[in-house]
Protein backbone atom coordinates (compact mmCIF):
# COMPACT_ATOMS: atom_id res chain seq x y z
CA MET A 1 7.54 -1.73 -19.00
CA THR A 2 11.20 -1.13 -18.29
CA LYS A 3 12.22 -1.54 -14.54
CA GLN A 4 12.90 1.75 -14.37
CA GLU A 5 9.33 3.01 -16.27
CA LEU A 6 7.98 0.72 -13.42
CA HIS A 7 10.08 2.75 -10.75
CA ASP A 8 9.23 5.68 -12.17
CA PHE A 9 5.48 4.73 -11.79
CA MET A 10 5.69 3.97 -8.46
CA THR A 11 7.80 6.56 -7.07
CA ARG A 12 5.04 9.64 -8.66
CA HIS A 13 2.41 7.58 -5.86
CA LYS A 14 2.95 7.54 -2.74
CA LEU A 15 -0.44 5.66 -1.75
CA GLY A 16 -1.24 1.62 -2.90
CA VAL A 17 -3.91 -0.85 -2.04
CA LEU A 18 -2.35 -4.06 -0.68
CA SER A 19 -5.32 -6.85 -1.88
CA THR A 20 -4.56 -9.88 -0.29
CA GLN A 21 -7.10 -12.97 0.20
CA GLY A 22 -9.09 -14.13 4.05
CA PRO A 23 -9.73 -17.58 5.31
CA ASP A 24 -12.73 -17.93 4.28
CA ARG A 25 -11.04 -16.55 0.57
CA ALA A 26 -13.22 -13.35 0.35
CA PRO A 27 -11.17 -10.58 -0.73
CA GLN A 28 -9.42 -7.69 1.32
CA SER A 29 -7.97 -5.02 0.83
CA ALA A 30 -6.20 -1.54 2.59
CA LEU A 31 -4.97 1.32 1.42
CA MET A 32 -1.21 1.93 2.34
CA GLY A 33 1.45 4.59 2.03
CA MET A 34 4.17 2.93 0.28
CA ALA A 35 7.90 3.80 -0.45
CA VAL A 36 9.91 2.00 -3.61
CA GLY A 37 14.01 1.59 -3.55
CA ALA A 38 15.76 1.16 -6.77
CA ASP A 39 15.44 -2.83 -6.58
CA LEU A 40 11.87 -2.09 -6.98
CA GLU A 41 11.76 -3.22 -3.11
CA ILE A 42 8.40 -2.06 -1.55
CA VAL A 43 7.71 -0.42 1.65
CA VAL A 44 4.29 -0.38 3.26
CA ASN A 45 3.93 1.64 5.98
CA CYS A 46 -0.07 2.09 7.24
CA SER A 47 1.18 4.14 10.35
CA PHE A 48 0.41 6.94 8.00
CA ILE A 49 -3.05 5.61 7.17
CA ALA A 50 -3.99 5.35 10.69
CA ALA A 51 -3.22 8.64 11.32
CA ILE A 52 -5.10 10.24 8.05
CA SER A 53 -8.18 7.96 8.92
CA GLY A 54 -8.18 8.00 12.84
CA THR A 55 -8.04 4.22 13.11
CA SER A 56 -5.40 2.27 15.20
CA SER A 57 -4.96 0.00 12.57
CA GLY A 58 -4.79 1.65 9.55
CA VAL A 59 -8.36 0.56 8.19
CA ALA A 60 -11.15 2.46 8.18
CA LYS A 61 -14.16 0.89 10.12
CA ARG A 62 -17.70 1.19 8.34
């Protein structure tokens, strides 16, 4: 995949999943709004998700 193809793919999608590992090594994931720049800089926006999920943190409570 070329850099241009990756950029094109990422700009077609406004949401992404950010995954990390917690202190207890358990996986953690959150749905985030995202934007990508010409050099593949990724900007995430959790306030968008908070607005649609009704939570202050942007992570839906179970």
